[in-house]
Amino acid sequence: MADEKATDENATIDNPTDAAAADSDKRIQITKIYLKDFSFESPQTPQVFRIGEWKPKTNLNLRNSHAPIEGDLHEVILTITVEAKEDEKTLFLVELAQAGIFEIAGYDKAEYDAIVGSFCPNILFPYAREAIATAIQKGGFPEFVLQPINFDALYIQSRQQAEAQAAESH
């Protein structure tokens, strides 16, 4: 009886090992993070610095794209546009494409989509935020703090919109 129990315990212990082995085939690795494209414009300078009270309206636009490179390597690009306007005049415009090469392997399509749609942009965002803040400050404007973005929620929302559009087209 004692031997049977030991065998049963070993069988139970083997299951987590099998699961860990299956998960060990899954991997995400950051290979490279880089600035792919960057633009800063301030068309109203130097007059903009003579404005008494600084209360611009700021618009933020973000996009995420990805493409396979070769094998398990994928390029993910987070594009952020920040525009500050006073009335209808653009005070500054920043466009940035923060990119990364990620090694992604062992995931099914749904997992892969979530990785490139949420996980990778979360990795890239702090780099983009720092570059944007630095450019705006070097452009002579007050400190600009780009608030955190919940890429998980944005990914879920985009999936829901895609499913709704697919349902409408059928």
C-alpha atoms as a PDB file:
ATOM      1  CA  MET A   1       0.000   0.000   0.000  1.00  0.00           C
ATOM      2  CA  ALA A   2       2.750   2.423   0.840  1.00  0.00           C
ATOM      3  CA  ASP A   3       4.344   1.839  -2.557  1.00  0.00           C
ATOM      4  CA  GLU A   4       1.048   2.452  -4.363  1.00  0.00           C
ATOM      5  CA  LYS A   5       0.615   5.747  -2.537  1.00  0.00           C
ATOM      6  CA  ALA A   6       4.145   6.789  -3.469  1.00  0.00           C
ATOM      7  CA  THR A   7       3.399   5.945  -7.096  1.00  0.00           C
ATOM      8  CA  ASP A   8       0.190   7.980  -7.007  1.00  0.00           C
ATOM      9  CA  GLU A   9       2.031  10.940  -5.465  1.00  0.00           C
ATOM     10  CA  ASN A  10       4.685  10.712  -8.170  1.00  0.00           C
ATOM     11  CA  ALA A  11       1.968  10.727 -10.827  1.00  0.00           C
ATOM     12  CA  THR A  12       0.537  13.875  -9.250  1.00  0.00           C
ATOM     13  CA  ILE A  13       3.968  15.491  -9.124  1.00  0.00           C
ATOM     14  CA  ASP A  14       4.620  14.603 -12.782  1.00  0.00           C
ATOM     15  CA  ASN A  15       1.587  16.565 -14.003  1.00  0.00           C
ATOM     16  CA  PRO A  16       2.955  19.967 -12.889  1.00  0.00           C
ATOM     17  CA  THR A  17       6.297  18.982 -14.423  1.00  0.00           C
ATOM     18  CA  ASP A  18       4.582  18.190 -17.723  1.00  0.00           C
ATOM     19  CA  ALA A  19       2.784  21.549 -17.599  1.00  0.00           C
ATOM     20  CA  ALA A  20       6.055  23.332 -16.811  1.00  0.00           C
ATOM     21  CA  ALA A  21       7.728  21.560 -19.736  1.00  0.00           C
ATOM     22  CA  ALA A  22       4.936  22.679 -22.051  1.00  0.00           C
ATOM     23  CA  ASP A  23       5.267  26.245 -20.753  1.00  0.00           C
ATOM     24  CA  SER A  24       9.038  26.127 -21.222  1.00  0.00           C
ATOM     25  CA  ASP A  25       8.379  25.922 -24.980  1.00  0.00           C
ATOM     26  CA  LYS A  26       6.703  29.326 -24.683  1.00  0.00           C
ATOM     27  CA  ARG A  27       9.020  32.290 -24.631  1.00  0.00           C
ATOM     28  CA  ILE A  28       9.021  36.030 -25.042  1.00  0.00           C
ATOM     29  CA  GLN A  29      12.315  37.827 -25.227  1.00  0.00           C
ATOM     30  CA  ILE A  30      13.080  41.466 -25.928  1.00  0.00           C
ATOM     31  CA  THR A  31      15.772  41.504 -28.588  1.00  0.00           C
ATOM     32  CA  LYS A  32      15.956  45.235 -29.316  1.00  0.00           C
ATOM     33  CA  ILE A  33      14.081  48.436 -28.437  1.00  0.00           C
ATOM     34  CA  TYR A  34      14.578  51.424 -30.712  1.00  0.00           C
ATOM     35  CA  LEU A  35      13.126  54.691 -31.953  1.00  0.00           C
ATOM     36  CA  LYS A  36      11.891  54.047 -35.500  1.00  0.00           C
ATOM     37  CA  ASP A  37      10.474  57.490 -36.323  1.00  0.00           C
ATOM     38  CA  PHE A  38      10.267  60.766 -34.427  1.00  0.00           C
ATOM     39  CA  SER A  39       9.026  64.259 -35.211  1.00  0.00           C
ATOM     40  CA  PHE A  40       8.600  67.405 -33.139  1.00  0.00           C
ATOM     41  CA  GLU A  41       7.009  70.535 -34.567  1.00  0.00           C
ATOM     42  CA  SER A  42       6.219  73.871 -32.974  1.00  0.00           C
ATOM     43  CA  PRO A  43       4.773  76.055 -35.738  1.00  0.00           C
ATOM     44  CA  GLN A  44       3.795  78.970 -33.458  1.00  0.00           C
ATOM     45  CA  THR A  45       7.248  79.688 -32.027  1.00  0.00           C
ATOM     46  CA  PRO A  46       8.406  82.145 -30.807  1.00  0.00           C
ATOM     47  CA  GLN A  47       4.973  83.784 -30.376  1.00  0.00           C
ATOM     48  CA  VAL A  48       3.700  80.801 -28.369  1.00  0.00           C
ATOM     49  CA  PHE A  49       6.049  81.671 -25.530  1.00  0.00           C
ATOM     50  CA  ARG A  50       4.401  85.058 -25.136  1.00  0.00           C
ATOM     51  CA  ILE A  51       1.007  83.537 -24.232  1.00  0.00           C
ATOM     52  CA  GLY A  52       0.133  84.604 -20.715  1.00  0.00           C
ATOM     53  CA  GLU A  53      -1.747  81.617 -19.351  1.00  0.00           C
ATOM     54  CA  TRP A  54      -0.808  78.130 -20.533  1.00  0.00           C
ATOM     55  CA  LYS A  55      -4.001  76.084 -21.011  1.00  0.00           C
ATOM     56  CA  PRO A  56      -3.747  74.173 -24.265  1.00  0.00           C
ATOM     57  CA  LYS A  57      -6.071  71.378 -25.286  1.00  0.00           C
ATOM     58  CA  THR A  58      -4.058  68.188 -25.760  1.00  0.00           C
ATOM     59  CA  ASN A  59      -5.046  65.358 -28.093  1.00  0.00           C
ATOM     60  CA  LEU A  60      -3.493  61.906 -27.881  1.00  0.00           C
ATOM     61  CA  ASN A  61      -3.675  59.263 -30.575  1.00  0.00           C
ATOM     62  CA  LEU A  62      -2.078  55.813 -30.391  1.00  0.00           C
ATOM     63  CA  ARG A  63      -1.718  52.927 -32.765  1.00  0.00           C
ATOM     64  CA  ASN A  64      -0.062  49.583 -32.499  1.00  0.00           C
ATOM     65  CA  SER A  65       1.200  47.455 -35.358  1.00  0.00           C
ATOM     66  CA  HIS A  66       3.304  44.353 -35.726  1.00  0.00           C
ATOM     67  CA  ALA A  67       4.928  42.300 -38.427  1.00  0.00           C
ATOM     68  CA  PRO A  68       6.966  39.117 -38.529  1.00  0.00           C
ATOM     69  CA  ILE A  69      10.653  39.571 -39.354  1.00  0.00           C
ATOM     70  CA  GLU A  70      11.908  36.007 -39.622  1.00  0.00           C
ATOM     71  CA  GLY A  71      11.436  32.857 -37.615  1.00  0.00           C
ATOM     72  CA  ASP A  72      10.206  33.770 -34.136  1.00  0.00           C
ATOM     73  CA  LEU A  73      11.262  37.442 -34.420  1.00  0.00           C
ATOM     74  CA  HIS A  74       8.533  40.068 -34.648  1.00  0.00           C
ATOM     75  CA  GLU A  75       8.664  43.848 -34.865  1.00  0.00           C
ATOM     76  CA  VAL A  76       6.079  45.665 -32.749  1.00  0.00           C
ATOM     77  CA  ILE A  77       5.584  49.410 -33.260  1.00  0.00           C
ATOM     78  CA  LEU A  78       3.773  51.710 -30.848  1.00  0.00           C
ATOM     79  CA  THR A  79       2.934  54.992 -32.581  1.00  0.00           C
ATOM     80  CA  ILE A  80       1.910  57.936 -30.407  1.00  0.00           C
ATOM     81  CA  THR A  81       0.855  61.381 -31.586  1.00  0.00           C
ATOM     82  CA  VAL A  82       0.460  64.239 -29.114  1.00  0.00           C
ATOM     83  CA  GLU A  83      -0.905  67.581 -30.293  1.00  0.00           C
ATOM     84  CA  ALA A  84      -1.367  70.667 -28.118  1.00  0.00           C
ATOM     85  CA  LYS A  85      -3.657  73.407 -29.443  1.00  0.00           C
ATOM     86  CA  GLU A  86      -4.701  76.826 -28.228  1.00  0.00           C
ATOM     87  CA  ASP A  87      -7.938  77.695 -29.969  1.00  0.00           C
ATOM     88  CA  GLU A  88      -7.295  76.241 -33.428  1.00  0.00           C
ATOM     89  CA  LYS A  89      -3.571  76.945 -33.512  1.00  0.00           C
ATOM     90  CA  THR A  90      -1.178  74.031 -33.043  1.00  0.00           C
ATOM     91  CA  LEU A  91       1.349  74.853 -30.338  1.00  0.00           C
ATOM     92  CA  PHE A  92       3.295  71.626 -30.691  1.00  0.00           C
ATOM     93  CA  LEU A  93       2.928  68.285 -32.394  1.00  0.00           C
ATOM     94  CA  VAL A  94       4.931  65.200 -31.474  1.00  0.00           C
ATOM     95  CA  GLU A  95       4.783  61.995 -33.511  1.00  0.00           C
ATOM     96  CA  LEU A  96       6.771  59.025 -32.339  1.00  0.00           C
ATOM     97  CA  ALA A  97       7.091  55.407 -33.456  1.00  0.00           C
ATOM     98  CA  GLN A  98       8.700  53.417 -30.649  1.00  0.00           C
ATOM     99  CA  ALA A  99       9.582  49.938 -31.848  1.00  0.00           C
ATOM    100  CA  GLY A 100      10.936  46.705 -30.555  1.00  0.00           C
ATOM    101  CA  ILE A 101      12.018  43.349 -31.855  1.00  0.00           C
ATOM    102  CA  PHE A 102      10.580  40.547 -29.776  1.00  0.00           C
ATOM    103  CA  GLU A 103      11.232  36.842 -29.960  1.00  0.00           C
ATOM    104  CA  ILE A 104       7.831  35.226 -29.474  1.00  0.00           C
ATOM    105  CA  ALA A 105       7.509  31.453 -29.684  1.00  0.00           C
ATOM    106  CA  GLY A 106       5.254  28.642 -28.566  1.00  0.00           C
ATOM    107  CA  TYR A 107       1.982  30.574 -28.293  1.00  0.00           C
ATOM    108  CA  ASP A 108      -1.287  29.919 -30.077  1.00  0.00           C
ATOM    109  CA  LYS A 109      -2.886  32.665 -32.216  1.00  0.00           C
ATOM    110  CA  ALA A 110      -5.050  34.113 -29.424  1.00  0.00           C
ATOM    111  CA  GLU A 111      -2.088  34.280 -27.031  1.00  0.00           C
ATOM    112  CA  TYR A 112       0.159  35.751 -29.744  1.00  0.00           C
ATOM    113  CA  ASP A 113      -2.440  38.428 -30.558  1.00  0.00           C
ATOM    114  CA  ALA A 114      -2.657  39.383 -26.871  1.00  0.00           C
ATOM    115  CA  ILE A 115       1.135  39.549 -26.605  1.00  0.00           C
ATOM    116  CA  VAL A 116       1.596  41.888 -29.578  1.00  0.00           C
ATOM    117  CA  GLY A 117      -1.596  43.816 -28.773  1.00  0.00           C
ATOM    118  CA  SER A 118      -1.001  44.389 -25.069  1.00  0.00           C
ATOM    119  CA  PHE A 119       2.196  42.965 -23.571  1.00  0.00           C
ATOM    120  CA  CYS A 120       4.641  44.438 -26.110  1.00  0.00           C
ATOM    121  CA  PRO A 121       3.067  47.942 -26.141  1.00  0.00           C
ATOM    122  CA  ASN A 122       3.280  47.903 -22.329  1.00  0.00           C
ATOM    123  CA  ILE A 123       7.024  47.252 -22.677  1.00  0.00           C
ATOM    124  CA  LEU A 124       7.481  50.012 -25.291  1.00  0.00           C
ATOM    125  CA  PHE A 125       5.340  52.683 -23.622  1.00  0.00           C
ATOM    126  CA  PRO A 126       7.813  53.898 -20.948  1.00  0.00           C
ATOM    127  CA  TYR A 127      10.456  54.484 -23.639  1.00  0.00           C
ATOM    128  CA  ALA A 128       7.971  56.413 -25.764  1.00  0.00           C
ATOM    129  CA  ARG A 129       6.732  58.435 -22.804  1.00  0.00           C
ATOM    130  CA  GLU A 130      10.265  59.491 -21.869  1.00  0.00           C
ATOM    131  CA  ALA A 131      11.160  60.499 -25.449  1.00  0.00           C
ATOM    132  CA  ILE A 132       7.966  62.548 -25.825  1.00  0.00           C
ATOM    133  CA  ALA A 133       8.397  64.325 -22.475  1.00  0.00           C
ATOM    134  CA  THR A 134      12.029  65.146 -23.242  1.00  0.00           C
ATOM    135  CA  ALA A 135      11.228  66.541 -26.712  1.00  0.00           C
ATOM    136  CA  ILE A 136       8.426  68.736 -25.404  1.00  0.00           C
ATOM    137  CA  GLN A 137      10.600  70.090 -22.613  1.00  0.00           C
ATOM    138  CA  LYS A 138      13.504  70.715 -24.995  1.00  0.00           C
ATOM    139  CA  GLY A 139      11.023  72.507 -27.249  1.00  0.00           C
ATOM    140  CA  GLY A 140      10.672  75.084 -24.469  1.00  0.00           C
ATOM    141  CA  PHE A 141       7.290  73.967 -23.165  1.00  0.00           C
ATOM    142  CA  PRO A 142       6.261  73.150 -19.591  1.00  0.00           C
ATOM    143  CA  GLU A 143       6.727  69.620 -18.301  1.00  0.00           C
ATOM    144  CA  PHE A 144       4.421  67.158 -20.033  1.00  0.00           C
ATOM    145  CA  VAL A 145       3.464  63.952 -18.248  1.00  0.00           C
ATOM    146  CA  LEU A 146       1.873  61.325 -20.428  1.00  0.00           C
ATOM    147  CA  GLN A 147      -0.431  59.355 -18.135  1.00  0.00           C
ATOM    148  CA  PRO A 148      -0.237  55.548 -17.956  1.00  0.00           C
ATOM    149  CA  ILE A 149      -2.249  53.658 -20.547  1.00  0.00           C
ATOM    150  CA  ASN A 150      -4.066  50.402 -19.885  1.00  0.00           C
ATOM    151  CA  PHE A 151      -3.107  48.428 -23.002  1.00  0.00           C
ATOM    152  CA  ASP A 152      -4.879  45.337 -21.669  1.00  0.00           C
ATOM    153  CA  ALA A 153      -8.214  47.203 -21.649  1.00  0.00           C
ATOM    154  CA  LEU A 154      -7.522  48.722 -25.081  1.00  0.00           C
ATOM    155  CA  TYR A 155      -6.727  45.279 -26.494  1.00  0.00           C
ATOM    156  CA  ILE A 156      -9.935  43.789 -25.079  1.00  0.00           C
ATOM    157  CA  GLN A 157     -11.929  46.725 -26.453  1.00  0.00           C
ATOM    158  CA  SER A 158     -10.386  46.314 -29.918  1.00  0.00           C
ATOM    159  CA  ARG A 159     -11.195  42.564 -29.879  1.00  0.00           C
ATOM    160  CA  GLN A 160     -14.803  43.302 -28.919  1.00  0.00           C
ATOM    161  CA  GLN A 161     -15.111  45.879 -31.720  1.00  0.00           C
ATOM    162  CA  ALA A 162     -13.646  43.424 -34.242  1.00  0.00           C
ATOM    163  CA  GLU A 163     -16.066  40.699 -33.122  1.00  0.00           C
ATOM    164  CA  ALA A 164     -19.025  43.110 -33.355  1.00  0.00           C
ATOM    165  CA  GLN A 165     -17.996  44.177 -36.871  1.00  0.00           C
ATOM    166  CA  ALA A 166     -17.589  40.541 -37.910  1.00  0.00           C
ATOM    167  CA  ALA A 167     -21.057  39.743 -36.548  1.00  0.00           C
ATOM    168  CA  GLU A 168     -22.582  42.714 -38.441  1.00  0.00           C
ATOM    169  CA  SER A 169     -21.011  41.663 -41.741  1.00  0.00           C
ATOM    170  CA  HIS A 170     -22.526  38.176 -41.519  1.00  0.00           C
END
